[in-house]
Amino acid sequence: QVQLVESGGGSAQAGVSLRLSCAASGFVYSGKCMGWFRQRPGKEREGVAAIATRSGITFVADSVKGRFTISQDNAKNTVYLQMNSLKPEDTAMYYCAADLRDGGCSLGRNGGPSEFAFNSWGQGTLVTVSS
Protein backbone atom coordinates (compact mmCIF):
# COMPACT_ATOMS: atom_id res chain seq x y z
CA GLN A 1 0.00 0.00 0.00
CA VAL A 2 1.43 3.33 -1.05
CA GLN A 3 1.88 5.75 1.82
CA LEU A 4 3.16 9.29 1.80
CA VAL A 5 3.40 10.82 5.23
CA GLU A 6 4.20 14.50 5.53
CA SER A 7 5.56 16.21 8.61
CA GLY A 8 7.18 19.46 9.60
CA GLY A 9 4.39 21.93 9.07
CA GLY A 10 3.34 24.46 11.64
CA SER A 11 3.22 28.14 12.40
CA ALA A 12 6.10 30.43 11.68
CA GLN A 13 6.86 34.09 11.43
CA ALA A 14 7.81 35.69 8.15
CA GLY A 15 11.46 35.40 7.35
CA VAL A 16 12.16 32.13 9.08
CA SER A 17 12.70 28.69 7.60
CA LEU A 18 10.79 25.44 7.79
CA ARG A 19 11.59 22.01 6.45
CA LEU A 20 8.87 19.62 5.42
CA SER A 21 9.47 15.90 5.21
CA CYS A 22 7.66 13.21 3.27
CA ALA A 23 8.30 9.58 4.10
CA ALA A 24 7.35 7.30 1.23
CA SER A 25 6.60 3.60 1.45
CA GLY A 26 4.78 0.86 -0.38
CA PHE A 27 6.45 1.27 -3.76
CA VAL A 28 9.85 1.19 -5.39
CA TYR A 29 11.14 4.66 -4.69
CA SER A 30 13.90 4.75 -7.30
CA GLY A 31 12.98 5.89 -10.77
CA LYS A 32 9.93 7.88 -9.75
CA CYS A 33 9.13 11.57 -9.50
CA MET A 34 8.31 12.96 -6.09
CA GLY A 35 6.67 16.34 -5.79
CA TRP A 36 5.51 18.97 -3.36
CA PHE A 37 2.33 20.89 -3.98
CA ARG A 38 0.50 23.52 -2.05
CA GLN A 39 -2.98 24.91 -1.89
CA ARG A 40 -3.24 28.41 -0.55
CA PRO A 41 -6.55 29.71 0.83
CA GLY A 42 -8.91 30.46 -2.02
CA LYS A 43 -6.41 29.29 -4.64
CA GLU A 44 -6.02 26.23 -6.80
CA ARG A 45 -3.41 23.68 -5.93
CA GLU A 46 -0.03 24.44 -7.48
CA GLY A 47 3.13 22.49 -7.96
CA VAL A 48 6.01 23.80 -5.89
CA ALA A 49 8.94 21.47 -6.46
CA ALA A 50 9.79 18.02 -7.74
CA ILE A 51 12.70 15.65 -7.77
CA ALA A 52 13.48 12.75 -10.06
CA THR A 53 14.49 10.16 -7.53
CA ARG A 54 17.03 8.25 -9.64
CA SER A 55 18.96 11.18 -11.06
CA GLY A 56 18.31 13.65 -8.26
CA ILE A 57 17.44 16.35 -10.77
CA THR A 58 15.20 18.94 -9.17
CA PHE A 59 12.59 21.33 -10.46
CA VAL A 60 11.28 24.34 -8.58
CA ALA A 61 8.38 26.60 -9.45
CA ASP A 62 9.33 30.08 -10.57
CA SER A 63 7.30 31.63 -7.76
CA VAL A 64 9.47 30.08 -5.03
CA LYS A 65 12.77 29.64 -6.81
CA GLY A 66 15.63 30.88 -4.71
CA ARG A 67 13.71 30.32 -1.48
CA PHE A 68 12.52 26.70 -1.66
CA THR A 69 14.68 23.66 -2.25
CA ILE A 70 13.71 20.03 -2.69
CA SER A 71 16.02 17.21 -1.70
CA GLN A 72 15.90 13.55 -0.81
CA ASP A 73 17.43 10.86 1.32
CA ASN A 74 17.30 7.77 -0.84
CA ALA A 75 18.25 5.52 2.04
CA LYS A 76 15.16 6.66 3.92
CA ASN A 77 12.84 7.06 0.91
CA THR A 78 12.21 10.55 2.18
CA VAL A 79 11.78 13.82 0.33
CA TYR A 80 12.28 17.21 1.91
CA LEU A 81 11.10 20.69 1.10
CA GLN A 82 13.33 23.34 2.60
CA MET A 83 11.48 26.64 2.74
CA ASN A 84 13.53 29.71 3.52
CA SER A 85 12.57 33.35 3.93
CA LEU A 86 8.97 32.40 4.42
CA LYS A 87 6.31 34.93 3.51
CA PRO A 88 2.69 35.19 4.63
CA GLU A 89 1.67 34.23 1.10
CA ASP A 90 3.37 30.87 1.61
CA THR A 91 0.57 29.99 4.00
CA ALA A 92 -0.97 26.84 2.56
CA MET A 93 -1.64 23.18 2.94
CA TYR A 94 1.42 21.43 1.56
CA TYR A 95 1.08 18.02 -0.03
CA CYS A 96 3.61 15.41 -0.96
CA ALA A 97 2.83 13.38 -4.06
CA ALA A 98 4.33 10.60 -6.11
CA ASP A 99 4.18 9.87 -9.80
CA LEU A 100 4.41 6.09 -9.66
CA ARG A 101 5.20 5.67 -13.33
CA ASP A 102 8.83 5.03 -14.11
CA GLY A 103 10.45 8.01 -15.74
CA GLY A 104 11.08 11.68 -15.24
CA CYS A 105 9.00 14.51 -13.87
CA SER A 106 6.17 16.16 -15.73
CA LEU A 107 6.18 19.89 -15.25
CA GLY A 108 3.56 22.58 -15.34
CA ARG A 109 3.79 26.05 -16.82
CA ASN A 110 5.07 27.46 -13.56
CA GLY A 111 8.18 25.29 -13.69
CA GLY A 112 6.97 23.10 -10.87
CA PRO A 113 5.43 19.65 -11.08
CA SER A 114 2.17 19.12 -12.92
CA GLU A 115 -0.40 17.65 -10.57
CA PHE A 116 -2.05 15.72 -13.38
CA ALA A 117 0.94 13.38 -13.49
CA PHE A 118 0.82 12.46 -9.81
CA ASN A 119 -1.32 9.58 -8.71
CA SER A 120 -0.56 9.18 -5.04
CA TRP A 121 -0.95 11.90 -2.44
CA GLY A 122 -0.22 12.43 1.21
CA GLN A 123 -2.70 13.88 3.63
CA GLY A 124 -1.03 17.28 3.70
CA THR A 125 0.63 19.40 6.34
CA LEU A 126 -0.42 22.94 7.13
CA VAL A 127 2.05 25.81 7.06
CA THR A 128 0.93 29.13 8.45
CA VAL A 129 3.19 32.15 8.12
CA SER A 130 2.41 35.31 10.03
CA SER A 131 3.80 38.74 9.37
C-alpha atoms as a PDB file:
ATOM      1  CA  GLN A   1       0.000   0.000   0.000  1.00  0.00           C
ATOM      2  CA  VAL A   2       1.430   3.333  -1.049  1.00  0.00           C
ATOM      3  CA  GLN A   3       1.876   5.749   1.816  1.00  0.00           C
ATOM      4  CA  LEU A   4       3.158   9.294   1.802  1.00  0.00           C
ATOM      5  CA  VAL A   5       3.398  10.823   5.231  1.00  0.00           C
ATOM      6  CA  GLU A   6       4.204  14.501   5.529  1.00  0.00           C
ATOM      7  CA  SER A   7       5.556  16.215   8.606  1.00  0.00           C
ATOM      8  CA  GLY A   8       7.184  19.464   9.597  1.00  0.00           C
ATOM      9  CA  GLY A   9       4.393  21.934   9.065  1.00  0.00           C
ATOM     10  CA  GLY A  10       3.343  24.459  11.645  1.00  0.00           C
ATOM     11  CA  SER A  11       3.222  28.138  12.404  1.00  0.00           C
ATOM     12  CA  ALA A  12       6.103  30.425  11.676  1.00  0.00           C
ATOM     13  CA  GLN A  13       6.861  34.092  11.425  1.00  0.00           C
ATOM     14  CA  ALA A  14       7.813  35.693   8.154  1.00  0.00           C
ATOM     15  CA  GLY A  15      11.463  35.399   7.353  1.00  0.00           C
ATOM     16  CA  VAL A  16      12.165  32.131   9.084  1.00  0.00           C
ATOM     17  CA  SER A  17      12.698  28.688   7.603  1.00  0.00           C
ATOM     18  CA  LEU A  18      10.790  25.440   7.792  1.00  0.00           C
ATOM     19  CA  ARG A  19      11.590  22.014   6.449  1.00  0.00           C
ATOM     20  CA  LEU A  20       8.874  19.622   5.422  1.00  0.00           C
ATOM     21  CA  SER A  21       9.475  15.899   5.205  1.00  0.00           C
ATOM     22  CA  CYS A  22       7.662  13.210   3.272  1.00  0.00           C
ATOM     23  CA  ALA A  23       8.295   9.584   4.101  1.00  0.00           C
ATOM     24  CA  ALA A  24       7.348   7.296   1.230  1.00  0.00           C
ATOM     25  CA  SER A  25       6.597   3.604   1.452  1.00  0.00           C
ATOM     26  CA  GLY A  26       4.785   0.855  -0.381  1.00  0.00           C
ATOM     27  CA  PHE A  27       6.448   1.272  -3.756  1.00  0.00           C
ATOM     28  CA  VAL A  28       9.850   1.190  -5.393  1.00  0.00           C
ATOM     29  CA  TYR A  29      11.143   4.656  -4.688  1.00  0.00           C
ATOM     30  CA  SER A  30      13.899   4.751  -7.299  1.00  0.00           C
ATOM     31  CA  GLY A  31      12.978   5.890 -10.771  1.00  0.00           C
ATOM     32  CA  LYS A  32       9.933   7.882  -9.750  1.00  0.00           C
ATOM     33  CA  CYS A  33       9.127  11.567  -9.497  1.00  0.00           C
ATOM     34  CA  MET A  34       8.307  12.961  -6.088  1.00  0.00           C
ATOM     35  CA  GLY A  35       6.666  16.341  -5.786  1.00  0.00           C
ATOM     36  CA  TRP A  36       5.506  18.966  -3.364  1.00  0.00           C
ATOM     37  CA  PHE A  37       2.334  20.889  -3.979  1.00  0.00           C
ATOM     38  CA  ARG A  38       0.501  23.522  -2.049  1.00  0.00           C
ATOM     39  CA  GLN A  39      -2.981  24.912  -1.889  1.00  0.00           C
ATOM     40  CA  ARG A  40      -3.245  28.410  -0.546  1.00  0.00           C
ATOM     41  CA  PRO A  41      -6.552  29.715   0.830  1.00  0.00           C
ATOM     42  CA  GLY A  42      -8.906  30.459  -2.023  1.00  0.00           C
ATOM     43  CA  LYS A  43      -6.409  29.293  -4.641  1.00  0.00           C
ATOM     44  CA  GLU A  44      -6.016  26.231  -6.797  1.00  0.00           C
ATOM     45  CA  ARG A  45      -3.412  23.678  -5.928  1.00  0.00           C
ATOM     46  CA  GLU A  46      -0.033  24.436  -7.480  1.00  0.00           C
ATOM     47  CA  GLY A  47       3.129  22.485  -7.962  1.00  0.00           C
ATOM     48  CA  VAL A  48       6.009  23.797  -5.894  1.00  0.00           C
ATOM     49  CA  ALA A  49       8.937  21.468  -6.462  1.00  0.00           C
ATOM     50  CA  ALA A  50       9.789  18.023  -7.741  1.00  0.00           C
ATOM     51  CA  ILE A  51      12.697  15.645  -7.775  1.00  0.00           C
ATOM     52  CA  ALA A  52      13.479  12.748 -10.056  1.00  0.00           C
ATOM     53  CA  THR A  53      14.490  10.157  -7.532  1.00  0.00           C
ATOM     54  CA  ARG A  54      17.028   8.248  -9.641  1.00  0.00           C
ATOM     55  CA  SER A  55      18.963  11.184 -11.063  1.00  0.00           C
ATOM     56  CA  GLY A  56      18.311  13.653  -8.258  1.00  0.00           C
ATOM     57  CA  ILE A  57      17.445  16.349 -10.771  1.00  0.00           C
ATOM     58  CA  THR A  58      15.199  18.940  -9.174  1.00  0.00           C
ATOM     59  CA  PHE A  59      12.591  21.326 -10.459  1.00  0.00           C
ATOM     60  CA  VAL A  60      11.277  24.342  -8.582  1.00  0.00           C
ATOM     61  CA  ALA A  61       8.383  26.604  -9.445  1.00  0.00           C
ATOM     62  CA  ASP A  62       9.330  30.083 -10.567  1.00  0.00           C
ATOM     63  CA  SER A  63       7.300  31.632  -7.756  1.00  0.00           C
ATOM     64  CA  VAL A  64       9.470  30.082  -5.026  1.00  0.00           C
ATOM     65  CA  LYS A  65      12.772  29.640  -6.807  1.00  0.00           C
ATOM     66  CA  GLY A  66      15.630  30.885  -4.708  1.00  0.00           C
ATOM     67  CA  ARG A  67      13.714  30.317  -1.477  1.00  0.00           C
ATOM     68  CA  PHE A  68      12.517  26.703  -1.660  1.00  0.00           C
ATOM     69  CA  THR A  69      14.685  23.659  -2.250  1.00  0.00           C
ATOM     70  CA  ILE A  70      13.708  20.032  -2.689  1.00  0.00           C
ATOM     71  CA  SER A  71      16.025  17.212  -1.700  1.00  0.00           C
ATOM     72  CA  GLN A  72      15.898  13.546  -0.812  1.00  0.00           C
ATOM     73  CA  ASP A  73      17.429  10.861   1.318  1.00  0.00           C
ATOM     74  CA  ASN A  74      17.295   7.767  -0.843  1.00  0.00           C
ATOM     75  CA  ALA A  75      18.253   5.520   2.043  1.00  0.00           C
ATOM     76  CA  LYS A  76      15.161   6.664   3.923  1.00  0.00           C
ATOM     77  CA  ASN A  77      12.837   7.059   0.911  1.00  0.00           C
ATOM     78  CA  THR A  78      12.205  10.550   2.182  1.00  0.00           C
ATOM     79  CA  VAL A  79      11.781  13.823   0.332  1.00  0.00           C
ATOM     80  CA  TYR A  80      12.276  17.207   1.907  1.00  0.00           C
ATOM     81  CA  LEU A  81      11.102  20.686   1.098  1.00  0.00           C
ATOM     82  CA  GLN A  82      13.328  23.338   2.599  1.00  0.00           C
ATOM     83  CA  MET A  83      11.480  26.636   2.744  1.00  0.00           C
ATOM     84  CA  ASN A  84      13.530  29.714   3.521  1.00  0.00           C
ATOM     85  CA  SER A  85      12.573  33.351   3.927  1.00  0.00           C
ATOM     86  CA  LEU A  86       8.969  32.402   4.423  1.00  0.00           C
ATOM     87  CA  LYS A  87       6.310  34.929   3.507  1.00  0.00           C
ATOM     88  CA  PRO A  88       2.687  35.186   4.630  1.00  0.00           C
ATOM     89  CA  GLU A  89       1.669  34.229   1.098  1.00  0.00           C
ATOM     90  CA  ASP A  90       3.375  30.873   1.611  1.00  0.00           C
ATOM     91  CA  THR A  91       0.568  29.989   4.001  1.00  0.00           C
ATOM     92  CA  ALA A  92      -0.974  26.844   2.557  1.00  0.00           C
ATOM     93  CA  MET A  93      -1.636  23.180   2.944  1.00  0.00           C
ATOM     94  CA  TYR A  94       1.416  21.434   1.563  1.00  0.00           C
ATOM     95  CA  TYR A  95       1.080  18.024  -0.030  1.00  0.00           C
ATOM     96  CA  CYS A  96       3.613  15.415  -0.959  1.00  0.00           C
ATOM     97  CA  ALA A  97       2.833  13.380  -4.058  1.00  0.00           C
ATOM     98  CA  ALA A  98       4.333  10.604  -6.107  1.00  0.00           C
ATOM     99  CA  ASP A  99       4.184   9.870  -9.799  1.00  0.00           C
ATOM    100  CA  LEU A 100       4.412   6.087  -9.664  1.00  0.00           C
ATOM    101  CA  ARG A 101       5.196   5.674 -13.333  1.00  0.00           C
ATOM    102  CA  ASP A 102       8.826   5.031 -14.110  1.00  0.00           C
ATOM    103  CA  GLY A 103      10.453   8.005 -15.741  1.00  0.00           C
ATOM    104  CA  GLY A 104      11.077  11.677 -15.236  1.00  0.00           C
ATOM    105  CA  CYS A 105       9.005  14.512 -13.874  1.00  0.00           C
ATOM    106  CA  SER A 106       6.172  16.161 -15.727  1.00  0.00           C
ATOM    107  CA  LEU A 107       6.185  19.893 -15.251  1.00  0.00           C
ATOM    108  CA  GLY A 108       3.563  22.583 -15.340  1.00  0.00           C
ATOM    109  CA  ARG A 109       3.794  26.046 -16.817  1.00  0.00           C
ATOM    110  CA  ASN A 110       5.069  27.464 -13.558  1.00  0.00           C
ATOM    111  CA  GLY A 111       8.178  25.287 -13.686  1.00  0.00           C
ATOM    112  CA  GLY A 112       6.968  23.100 -10.869  1.00  0.00           C
ATOM    113  CA  PRO A 113       5.433  19.646 -11.083  1.00  0.00           C
ATOM    114  CA  SER A 114       2.168  19.121 -12.920  1.00  0.00           C
ATOM    115  CA  GLU A 115      -0.401  17.655 -10.565  1.00  0.00           C
ATOM    116  CA  PHE A 116      -2.047  15.719 -13.377  1.00  0.00           C
ATOM    117  CA  ALA A 117       0.945  13.381 -13.487  1.00  0.00           C
ATOM    118  CA  PHE A 118       0.821  12.463  -9.805  1.00  0.00           C
ATOM    119  CA  ASN A 119      -1.319   9.584  -8.713  1.00  0.00           C
ATOM    120  CA  SER A 120      -0.564   9.180  -5.035  1.00  0.00           C
ATOM    121  CA  TRP A 121      -0.946  11.899  -2.445  1.00  0.00           C
ATOM    122  CA  GLY A 122      -0.221  12.433   1.207  1.00  0.00           C
ATOM    123  CA  GLN A 123      -2.696  13.877   3.635  1.00  0.00           C
ATOM    124  CA  GLY A 124      -1.032  17.279   3.702  1.00  0.00           C
ATOM    125  CA  THR A 125       0.630  19.399   6.335  1.00  0.00           C
ATOM    126  CA  LEU A 126      -0.416  22.940   7.132  1.00  0.00           C
ATOM    127  CA  VAL A 127       2.047  25.805   7.055  1.00  0.00           C
ATOM    128  CA  THR A 128       0.932  29.134   8.453  1.00  0.00           C
ATOM    129  CA  VAL A 129       3.188  32.148   8.123  1.00  0.00           C
ATOM    130  CA  SER A 130       2.407  35.306  10.031  1.00  0.00           C
ATOM    131  CA  SER A 131       3.804  38.741   9.370  1.00  0.00           C
END
